[in-house]
């Protein structure tokens, strides 16, 4: 399981029926960001990893140099600027 982002690829941990997860993925797609998704409802190891790290809210977004929980438009916009995506 990938837990660290490389080459501007983002990792997103999600769950089913999570509106913040859906909105985060939509924003990443609109920005043209490649991301790997791990759905904790389907992947017990992903859930275990998040709990070990103390992350209890979803989505969890992991970039090359940052990690955050929840829908964080400020972080997504900063990611867009950093990656120089139009």
PDB file of N, CA and C in Angstrom:
ATOM      1  N   UNK A   1       0.851  -1.188   0.000  1.00  0.00           N
ATOM      2  CA  UNK A   1       0.000   0.000   0.000  1.00  0.00           C
ATOM      3  C   UNK A   1       0.886   1.237   0.000  1.00  0.00           C
ATOM      4  N   UNK A   2       0.633   2.145  -0.918  1.00  0.00           N
ATOM      5  CA  UNK A   2       1.394   3.386  -0.999  1.00  0.00           C
ATOM      6  C   UNK A   2       0.923   4.338   0.097  1.00  0.00           C
ATOM      7  N   UNK A   3       1.870   4.839   0.879  1.00  0.00           N
ATOM      8  CA  UNK A   3       1.517   5.769   1.937  1.00  0.00           C
ATOM      9  C   UNK A   3       2.219   7.112   1.773  1.00  0.00           C
ATOM     10  N   UNK A   4       3.149   7.205   0.845  1.00  0.00           N
ATOM     11  CA  UNK A   4       3.858   8.445   0.598  1.00  0.00           C
ATOM     12  C   UNK A   4       3.743   8.757  -0.883  1.00  0.00           C
ATOM     13  N   UNK A   5       3.440   9.997  -1.167  1.00  0.00           N
ATOM     14  CA  UNK A   5       3.268  10.415  -2.545  1.00  0.00           C
ATOM     15  C   UNK A   5       4.622  10.705  -3.183  1.00  0.00           C
ATOM     16  N   UNK A   6       4.776  10.299  -4.441  1.00  0.00           N
ATOM     17  CA  UNK A   6       5.980  10.624  -5.195  1.00  0.00           C
ATOM     18  C   UNK A   6       5.565  11.097  -6.576  1.00  0.00           C
ATOM     19  N   UNK A   7       6.428  11.881  -7.186  1.00  0.00           N
ATOM     20  CA  UNK A   7       6.175  12.369  -8.551  1.00  0.00           C
ATOM     21  C   UNK A   7       4.821  13.064  -8.676  1.00  0.00           C
ATOM     22  N   UNK A   8       4.491  13.887  -7.708  1.00  0.00           N
ATOM     23  CA  UNK A   8       3.255  14.660  -7.738  1.00  0.00           C
ATOM     24  C   UNK A   8       1.995  13.794  -7.779  1.00  0.00           C
ATOM     25  N   UNK A   9       2.095  12.580  -7.283  1.00  0.00           N
ATOM     26  CA  UNK A   9       0.913  11.739  -7.175  1.00  0.00           C
ATOM     27  C   UNK A   9       0.415  11.845  -5.743  1.00  0.00           C
ATOM     28  N   UNK A  10      -0.876  11.973  -5.604  1.00  0.00           N
ATOM     29  CA  UNK A  10      -1.512  12.172  -4.313  1.00  0.00           C
ATOM     30  C   UNK A  10      -2.212  10.882  -3.910  1.00  0.00           C
ATOM     31  N   UNK A  11      -2.199  10.580  -2.614  1.00  0.00           N
ATOM     32  CA  UNK A  11      -2.929   9.435  -2.089  1.00  0.00           C
ATOM     33  C   UNK A  11      -4.122   9.957  -1.309  1.00  0.00           C
ATOM     34  N   UNK A  12      -5.306   9.393  -1.584  1.00  0.00           N
ATOM     35  CA  UNK A  12      -6.526   9.822  -0.915  1.00  0.00           C
ATOM     36  C   UNK A  12      -7.186   8.601  -0.288  1.00  0.00           C
ATOM     37  N   UNK A  13      -7.415   8.675   1.014  1.00  0.00           N
ATOM     38  CA  UNK A  13      -8.129   7.632   1.743  1.00  0.00           C
ATOM     39  C   UNK A  13      -9.577   8.083   1.883  1.00  0.00           C
ATOM     40  N   UNK A  14     -10.496   7.222   1.472  1.00  0.00           N
ATOM     41  CA  UNK A  14     -11.912   7.573   1.436  1.00  0.00           C
ATOM     42  C   UNK A  14     -12.749   6.463   2.045  1.00  0.00           C
ATOM     43  N   UNK A  15     -14.059   6.714   2.098  1.00  0.00           N
ATOM     44  CA  UNK A  15     -15.017   5.664   2.453  1.00  0.00           C
ATOM     45  C   UNK A  15     -16.284   5.894   1.634  1.00  0.00           C
ATOM     46  N   UNK A  16     -17.109   4.882   1.584  1.00  0.00           N
ATOM     47  CA  UNK A  16     -18.364   4.972   0.837  1.00  0.00           C
ATOM     48  C   UNK A  16     -19.278   6.022   1.465  1.00  0.00           C
ATOM     49  N   UNK A  17     -20.074   6.668   0.640  1.00  0.00           N
ATOM     50  CA  UNK A  17     -21.090   7.633   1.088  1.00  0.00           C
ATOM     51  C   UNK A  17     -20.517   8.798   1.883  1.00  0.00           C
ATOM     52  N   UNK A  18     -19.326   9.217   1.542  1.00  0.00           N
ATOM     53  CA  UNK A  18     -18.666  10.344   2.211  1.00  0.00           C
ATOM     54  C   UNK A  18     -18.663  11.529   1.252  1.00  0.00           C
ATOM     55  N   UNK A  19     -19.464  12.539   1.552  1.00  0.00           N
ATOM     56  CA  UNK A  19     -19.569  13.702   0.670  1.00  0.00           C
ATOM     57  C   UNK A  19     -18.258  14.466   0.586  1.00  0.00           C
ATOM     58  N   UNK A  20     -17.550  14.613   1.710  1.00  0.00           N
ATOM     59  CA  UNK A  20     -16.270  15.322   1.674  1.00  0.00           C
ATOM     60  C   UNK A  20     -15.256  14.568   0.821  1.00  0.00           C
ATOM     61  N   UNK A  21     -15.313  13.240   0.869  1.00  0.00           N
ATOM     62  CA  UNK A  21     -14.430  12.422   0.033  1.00  0.00           C
ATOM     63  C   UNK A  21     -14.743  12.658  -1.441  1.00  0.00           C
ATOM     64  N   UNK A  22     -16.006  12.634  -1.789  1.00  0.00           N
ATOM     65  CA  UNK A  22     -16.421  12.843  -3.181  1.00  0.00           C
ATOM     66  C   UNK A  22     -16.003  14.224  -3.676  1.00  0.00           C
ATOM     67  N   UNK A  23     -16.181  15.239  -2.851  1.00  0.00           N
ATOM     68  CA  UNK A  23     -15.832  16.602  -3.253  1.00  0.00           C
ATOM     69  C   UNK A  23     -14.322  16.758  -3.417  1.00  0.00           C
ATOM     70  N   UNK A  24     -13.552  16.118  -2.547  1.00  0.00           N
ATOM     71  CA  UNK A  24     -12.095  16.171  -2.649  1.00  0.00           C
ATOM     72  C   UNK A  24     -11.640  15.519  -3.956  1.00  0.00           C
ATOM     73  N   UNK A  25     -12.195  14.349  -4.256  1.00  0.00           N
ATOM     74  CA  UNK A  25     -11.817  13.656  -5.493  1.00  0.00           C
ATOM     75  C   UNK A  25     -12.225  14.469  -6.720  1.00  0.00           C
ATOM     76  N   UNK A  26     -13.401  15.082  -6.679  1.00  0.00           N
ATOM     77  CA  UNK A  26     -13.844  15.921  -7.804  1.00  0.00           C
ATOM     78  C   UNK A  26     -12.885  17.088  -8.038  1.00  0.00           C
ATOM     79  N   UNK A  27     -12.472  17.724  -6.951  1.00  0.00           N
ATOM     80  CA  UNK A  27     -11.547  18.852  -7.061  1.00  0.00           C
ATOM     81  C   UNK A  27     -10.212  18.395  -7.638  1.00  0.00           C
ATOM     82  N   UNK A  28      -9.692  17.271  -7.152  1.00  0.00           N
ATOM     83  CA  UNK A  28      -8.431  16.749  -7.686  1.00  0.00           C
ATOM     84  C   UNK A  28      -8.562  16.432  -9.172  1.00  0.00           C
ATOM     85  N   UNK A  29      -9.668  15.821  -9.551  1.00  0.00           N
ATOM     86  CA  UNK A  29      -9.900  15.501 -10.963  1.00  0.00           C
ATOM     87  C   UNK A  29      -9.991  16.770 -11.801  1.00  0.00           C
ATOM     88  N   UNK A  30     -10.698  17.766 -11.301  1.00  0.00           N
ATOM     89  CA  UNK A  30     -10.840  19.031 -12.025  1.00  0.00           C
ATOM     90  C   UNK A  30      -9.488  19.726 -12.197  1.00  0.00           C
ATOM     91  N   UNK A  31      -8.600  19.533 -11.218  1.00  0.00           N
ATOM     92  CA  UNK A  31      -7.263  20.121 -11.275  1.00  0.00           C
ATOM     93  C   UNK A  31      -6.324  19.291 -12.147  1.00  0.00           C
ATOM     94  N   UNK A  32      -6.737  18.094 -12.529  1.00  0.00           N
ATOM     95  CA  UNK A  32      -5.884  17.225 -13.330  1.00  0.00           C
ATOM     96  C   UNK A  32      -4.822  16.515 -12.530  1.00  0.00           C
ATOM     97  N   UNK A  33      -5.065  16.345 -11.233  1.00  0.00           N
ATOM     98  CA  UNK A  33      -4.095  15.709 -10.346  1.00  0.00           C
ATOM     99  C   UNK A  33      -4.286  14.194 -10.375  1.00  0.00           C
ATOM    100  N   UNK A  34      -3.188  13.472 -10.615  1.00  0.00           N
ATOM    101  CA  UNK A  34      -3.220  12.020 -10.502  1.00  0.00           C
ATOM    102  C   UNK A  34      -3.263  11.654  -9.030  1.00  0.00           C
ATOM    103  N   UNK A  35      -4.117  10.715  -8.683  1.00  0.00           N
ATOM    104  CA  UNK A  35      -4.159  10.281  -7.290  1.00  0.00           C
ATOM    105  C   UNK A  35      -4.485   8.798  -7.211  1.00  0.00           C
ATOM    106  N   UNK A  36      -4.026   8.214  -6.110  1.00  0.00           N
ATOM    107  CA  UNK A  36      -4.356   6.823  -5.787  1.00  0.00           C
ATOM    108  C   UNK A  36      -5.393   6.881  -4.678  1.00  0.00           C
ATOM    109  N   UNK A  37      -6.434   6.097  -4.820  1.00  0.00           N
ATOM    110  CA  UNK A  37      -7.498   6.082  -3.815  1.00  0.00           C
ATOM    111  C   UNK A  37      -7.505   4.745  -3.086  1.00  0.00           C
ATOM    112  N   UNK A  38      -7.617   4.833  -1.773  1.00  0.00           N
ATOM    113  CA  UNK A  38      -7.811   3.656  -0.934  1.00  0.00           C
ATOM    114  C   UNK A  38      -9.111   3.850  -0.177  1.00  0.00           C
ATOM    115  N   UNK A  39     -10.078   2.985  -0.423  1.00  0.00           N
ATOM    116  CA  UNK A  39     -11.373   3.055   0.239  1.00  0.00           C
ATOM    117  C   UNK A  39     -11.333   2.154   1.467  1.00  0.00           C
ATOM    118  N   UNK A  40     -11.468   2.753   2.646  1.00  0.00           N
ATOM    119  CA  UNK A  40     -11.335   1.984   3.888  1.00  0.00           C
ATOM    120  C   UNK A  40     -12.484   0.999   4.093  1.00  0.00           C
ATOM    121  N   UNK A  41     -13.598   1.207   3.403  1.00  0.00           N
ATOM    122  CA  UNK A  41     -14.694   0.240   3.488  1.00  0.00           C
ATOM    123  C   UNK A  41     -14.341  -1.053   2.765  1.00  0.00           C
ATOM    124  N   UNK A  42     -13.433  -0.958   1.790  1.00  0.00           N
ATOM    125  CA  UNK A  42     -13.048  -2.116   0.995  1.00  0.00           C
ATOM    126  C   UNK A  42     -11.637  -2.622   1.295  1.00  0.00           C
ATOM    127  N   UNK A  43     -10.879  -1.846   2.043  1.00  0.00           N
ATOM    128  CA  UNK A  43      -9.471  -2.164   2.282  1.00  0.00           C
ATOM    129  C   UNK A  43      -9.151  -2.066   3.769  1.00  0.00           C
ATOM    130  N   UNK A  44      -9.274  -3.181   4.505  1.00  0.00           N
ATOM    131  CA  UNK A  44      -9.021  -3.150   5.950  1.00  0.00           C
ATOM    132  C   UNK A  44      -7.613  -2.699   6.311  1.00  0.00           C
ATOM    133  N   UNK A  45      -6.635  -2.975   5.447  1.00  0.00           N
ATOM    134  CA  UNK A  45      -5.260  -2.538   5.733  1.00  0.00           C
ATOM    135  C   UNK A  45      -5.144  -1.025   5.679  1.00  0.00           C
ATOM    136  N   UNK A  46      -5.874  -0.402   4.777  1.00  0.00           N
ATOM    137  CA  UNK A  46      -5.870   1.062   4.698  1.00  0.00           C
ATOM    138  C   UNK A  46      -6.472   1.657   5.966  1.00  0.00           C
ATOM    139  N   UNK A  47      -7.570   1.070   6.434  1.00  0.00           N
ATOM    140  CA  UNK A  47      -8.193   1.538   7.674  1.00  0.00           C
ATOM    141  C   UNK A  47      -7.235   1.363   8.846  1.00  0.00           C
ATOM    142  N   UNK A  48      -6.590   0.232   8.918  1.00  0.00           N
ATOM    143  CA  UNK A  48      -5.631  -0.038  10.000  1.00  0.00           C
ATOM    144  C   UNK A  48      -4.494   0.977   9.981  1.00  0.00           C
ATOM    145  N   UNK A  49      -3.994   1.281   8.792  1.00  0.00           N
ATOM    146  CA  UNK A  49      -2.924   2.262   8.647  1.00  0.00           C
ATOM    147  C   UNK A  49      -3.361   3.632   9.181  1.00  0.00           C
ATOM    148  N   UNK A  50      -4.554   4.074   8.790  1.00  0.00           N
ATOM    149  CA  UNK A  50      -5.053   5.374   9.246  1.00  0.00           C
ATOM    150  C   UNK A  50      -5.201   5.418  10.759  1.00  0.00           C
ATOM    151  N   UNK A  51      -5.748   4.362  11.330  1.00  0.00           N
ATOM    152  CA  UNK A  51      -5.942   4.322  12.773  1.00  0.00           C
ATOM    153  C   UNK A  51      -4.608   4.310  13.512  1.00  0.00           C
ATOM    154  N   UNK A  52      -3.611   3.618  12.969  1.00  0.00           N
ATOM    155  CA  UNK A  52      -2.274   3.612  13.577  1.00  0.00           C
ATOM    156  C   UNK A  52      -1.683   5.011  13.606  1.00  0.00           C
ATOM    157  N   UNK A  53      -1.961   5.786  12.592  1.00  0.00           N
ATOM    158  CA  UNK A  53      -1.458   7.162  12.502  1.00  0.00           C
ATOM    159  C   UNK A  53      -2.289   8.138  13.335  1.00  0.00           C
ATOM    160  N   UNK A  54      -3.450   7.680  13.825  1.00  0.00           N
ATOM    161  CA  UNK A  54      -4.308   8.552  14.613  1.00  0.00           C
ATOM    162  C   UNK A  54      -5.258   9.388  13.781  1.00  0.00           C
ATOM    163  N   UNK A  55      -5.384   9.069  12.506  1.00  0.00           N
ATOM    164  CA  UNK A  55      -6.269   9.811  11.622  1.00  0.00           C
ATOM    165  C   UNK A  55      -7.645   9.163  11.660  1.00  0.00           C
ATOM    166  N   UNK A  56      -8.622   9.891  12.147  1.00  0.00           N
ATOM    167  CA  UNK A  56      -9.945   9.320  12.366  1.00  0.00           C
ATOM    168  C   UNK A  56     -11.046   9.965  11.531  1.00  0.00           C
ATOM    169  N   UNK A  57     -10.707  10.970  10.730  1.00  0.00           N
ATOM    170  CA  UNK A  57     -11.684  11.620   9.856  1.00  0.00           C
ATOM    171  C   UNK A  57     -11.269  11.408   8.416  1.00  0.00           C
ATOM    172  N   UNK A  58     -12.252  11.359   7.542  1.00  0.00           N
ATOM    173  CA  UNK A  58     -11.959  11.178   6.124  1.00  0.00           C
ATOM    174  C   UNK A  58     -12.543  12.340   5.331  1.00  0.00           C
ATOM    175  N   UNK A  59     -11.979  12.625   4.177  1.00  0.00           N
ATOM    176  CA  UNK A  59     -10.850  11.941   3.578  1.00  0.00           C
ATOM    177  C   UNK A  59      -9.541  12.319   4.261  1.00  0.00           C
ATOM    178  N   UNK A  60      -8.542  11.477   4.064  1.00  0.00           N
ATOM    179  CA  UNK A  60      -7.166  11.810   4.411  1.00  0.00           C
ATOM    180  C   UNK A  60      -6.431  11.931   3.086  1.00  0.00           C
ATOM    181  N   UNK A  61      -5.758  13.059   2.914  1.00  0.00           N
ATOM    182  CA  UNK A  61      -5.017  13.320   1.685  1.00  0.00           C
ATOM    183  C   UNK A  61      -3.532  13.378   2.029  1.00  0.00           C
ATOM    184  N   UNK A  62      -2.737  12.598   1.300  1.00  0.00           N
ATOM    185  CA  UNK A  62      -1.296  12.549   1.514  1.00  0.00           C
ATOM    186  C   UNK A  62      -0.622  13.029   0.239  1.00  0.00           C
ATOM    187  N   UNK A  63       0.184  14.094   0.371  1.00  0.00           N
ATOM    188  CA  UNK A  63       0.964  14.591  -0.754  1.00  0.00           C
ATOM    189  C   UNK A  63       2.438  14.366  -0.442  1.00  0.00           C
ATOM    190  N   UNK A  64       3.274  14.816  -1.311  1.00  0.00           N
ATOM    191  CA  UNK A  64       4.709  14.633  -1.130  1.00  0.00           C
ATOM    192  C   UNK A  64       5.204  15.242   0.181  1.00  0.00           C
ATOM    193  N   UNK A  65       4.601  16.368   0.584  1.00  0.00           N
ATOM    194  CA  UNK A  65       5.108  17.046   1.776  1.00  0.00           C
ATOM    195  C   UNK A  65       4.019  17.505   2.747  1.00  0.00           C
ATOM    196  N   UNK A  66       2.838  16.933   2.646  1.00  0.00           N
ATOM    197  CA  UNK A  66       1.745  17.356   3.530  1.00  0.00           C
ATOM    198  C   UNK A  66       0.738  16.222   3.697  1.00  0.00           C
ATOM    199  N   UNK A  67       0.018  16.274   4.808  1.00  0.00           N
ATOM    200  CA  UNK A  67      -1.077  15.335   5.082  1.00  0.00           C
ATOM    201  C   UNK A  67      -2.175  16.134   5.751  1.00  0.00           C
ATOM    202  N   UNK A  68      -3.431  15.896   5.311  1.00  0.00           N
ATOM    203  CA  UNK A  68      -4.546  16.548   5.998  1.00  0.00           C
ATOM    204  C   UNK A  68      -5.775  15.671   5.971  1.00  0.00           C
ATOM    205  N   UNK A  69      -6.694  15.988   6.894  1.00  0.00           N
ATOM    206  CA  UNK A  69      -7.971  15.282   6.995  1.00  0.00           C
ATOM    207  C   UNK A  69      -9.092  16.232   6.621  1.00  0.00           C
ATOM    208  N   UNK A  70     -10.133  15.671   6.041  1.00  0.00           N
ATOM    209  CA  UNK A  70     -11.321  16.456   5.733  1.00  0.00           C
ATOM    210  C   UNK A  70     -11.203  17.198   4.418  1.00  0.00           C
ATOM    211  N   UNK A  71     -12.277  17.855   4.054  1.00  0.00           N
ATOM    212  CA  UNK A  71     -12.317  18.666   2.836  1.00  0.00           C
ATOM    213  C   UNK A  71     -11.623  19.983   3.137  1.00  0.00           C
ATOM    214  N   UNK A  72     -10.439  20.164   2.588  1.00  0.00           N
ATOM    215  CA  UNK A  72      -9.641  21.361   2.841  1.00  0.00           C
ATOM    216  C   UNK A  72      -9.371  22.059   1.518  1.00  0.00           C
ATOM    217  N   UNK A  73     -10.285  22.932   1.125  1.00  0.00           N
ATOM    218  CA  UNK A  73     -10.134  23.641  -0.135  1.00  0.00           C
ATOM    219  C   UNK A  73      -8.860  24.489  -0.144  1.00  0.00           C
ATOM    220  N   UNK A  74      -8.486  25.036   1.016  1.00  0.00           N
ATOM    221  CA  UNK A  74      -7.264  25.829   1.081  1.00  0.00           C
ATOM    222  C   UNK A  74      -6.049  24.975   0.729  1.00  0.00           C
ATOM    223  N   UNK A  75      -6.007  23.756   1.256  1.00  0.00           N
ATOM    224  CA  UNK A  75      -4.891  22.847   0.967  1.00  0.00           C
ATOM    225  C   UNK A  75      -4.919  22.409  -0.494  1.00  0.00           C
ATOM    226  N   UNK A  76      -6.107  22.124  -1.008  1.00  0.00           N
ATOM    227  CA  UNK A  76      -6.222  21.718  -2.408  1.00  0.00           C
ATOM    228  C   UNK A  76      -5.799  22.852  -3.336  1.00  0.00           C
ATOM    229  N   UNK A  77      -6.184  24.064  -3.019  1.00  0.00           N
ATOM    230  CA  UNK A  77      -5.783  25.213  -3.840  1.00  0.00           C
ATOM    231  C   UNK A  77      -4.280  25.437  -3.765  1.00  0.00           C
ATOM    232  N   UNK A  78      -3.685  25.261  -2.579  1.00  0.00           N
ATOM    233  CA  UNK A  78      -2.233  25.382  -2.446  1.00  0.00           C
ATOM    234  C   UNK A  78      -1.525  24.290  -3.242  1.00  0.00           C
ATOM    235  N   UNK A  79      -2.083  23.091  -3.226  1.00  0.00           N
ATOM    236  CA  UNK A  79      -1.522  21.986  -4.001  1.00  0.00           C
ATOM    237  C   UNK A  79      -1.545  22.328  -5.483  1.00  0.00           C
ATOM    238  N   UNK A  80      -2.657  22.916  -5.920  1.00  0.00           N
ATOM    239  CA  UNK A  80      -2.778  23.303  -7.319  1.00  0.00           C
ATOM    240  C   UNK A  80      -1.696  24.316  -7.689  1.00  0.00           C
ATOM    241  N   UNK A  81      -1.474  25.305  -6.833  1.00  0.00           N
ATOM    242  CA  UNK A  81      -0.432  26.312  -7.100  1.00  0.00           C
ATOM    243  C   UNK A  81       0.949  25.677  -7.118  1.00  0.00           C
ATOM    244  N   UNK A  82       1.206  24.799  -6.145  1.00  0.00           N
ATOM    245  CA  UNK A  82       2.509  24.168  -6.038  1.00  0.00           C
ATOM    246  C   UNK A  82       2.820  23.312  -7.264  1.00  0.00           C
ATOM    247  N   UNK A  83       1.805  22.619  -7.750  1.00  0.00           N
ATOM    248  CA  UNK A  83       1.994  21.740  -8.896  1.00  0.00           C
ATOM    249  C   UNK A  83       1.886  22.508 -10.205  1.00  0.00           C
ATOM    250  N   UNK A  84       1.588  23.817 -10.112  1.00  0.00           N
ATOM    251  CA  UNK A  84       1.468  24.690 -11.283  1.00  0.00           C
ATOM    252  C   UNK A  84       0.483  24.119 -12.285  1.00  0.00           C
ATOM    253  N   UNK A  85      -0.679  23.785 -11.766  1.00  0.00           N
ATOM    254  CA  UNK A  85      -1.747  23.243 -12.601  1.00  0.00           C
ATOM    255  C   UNK A  85      -2.708  24.371 -12.916  1.00  0.00           C
ATOM    256  N   UNK A  86      -3.080  24.479 -14.154  1.00  0.00           N
ATOM    257  CA  UNK A  86      -4.015  25.553 -14.511  1.00  0.00           C
ATOM    258  C   UNK A  86      -5.439  25.045 -14.440  1.00  0.00           C
TER     259      UNK A  86
END
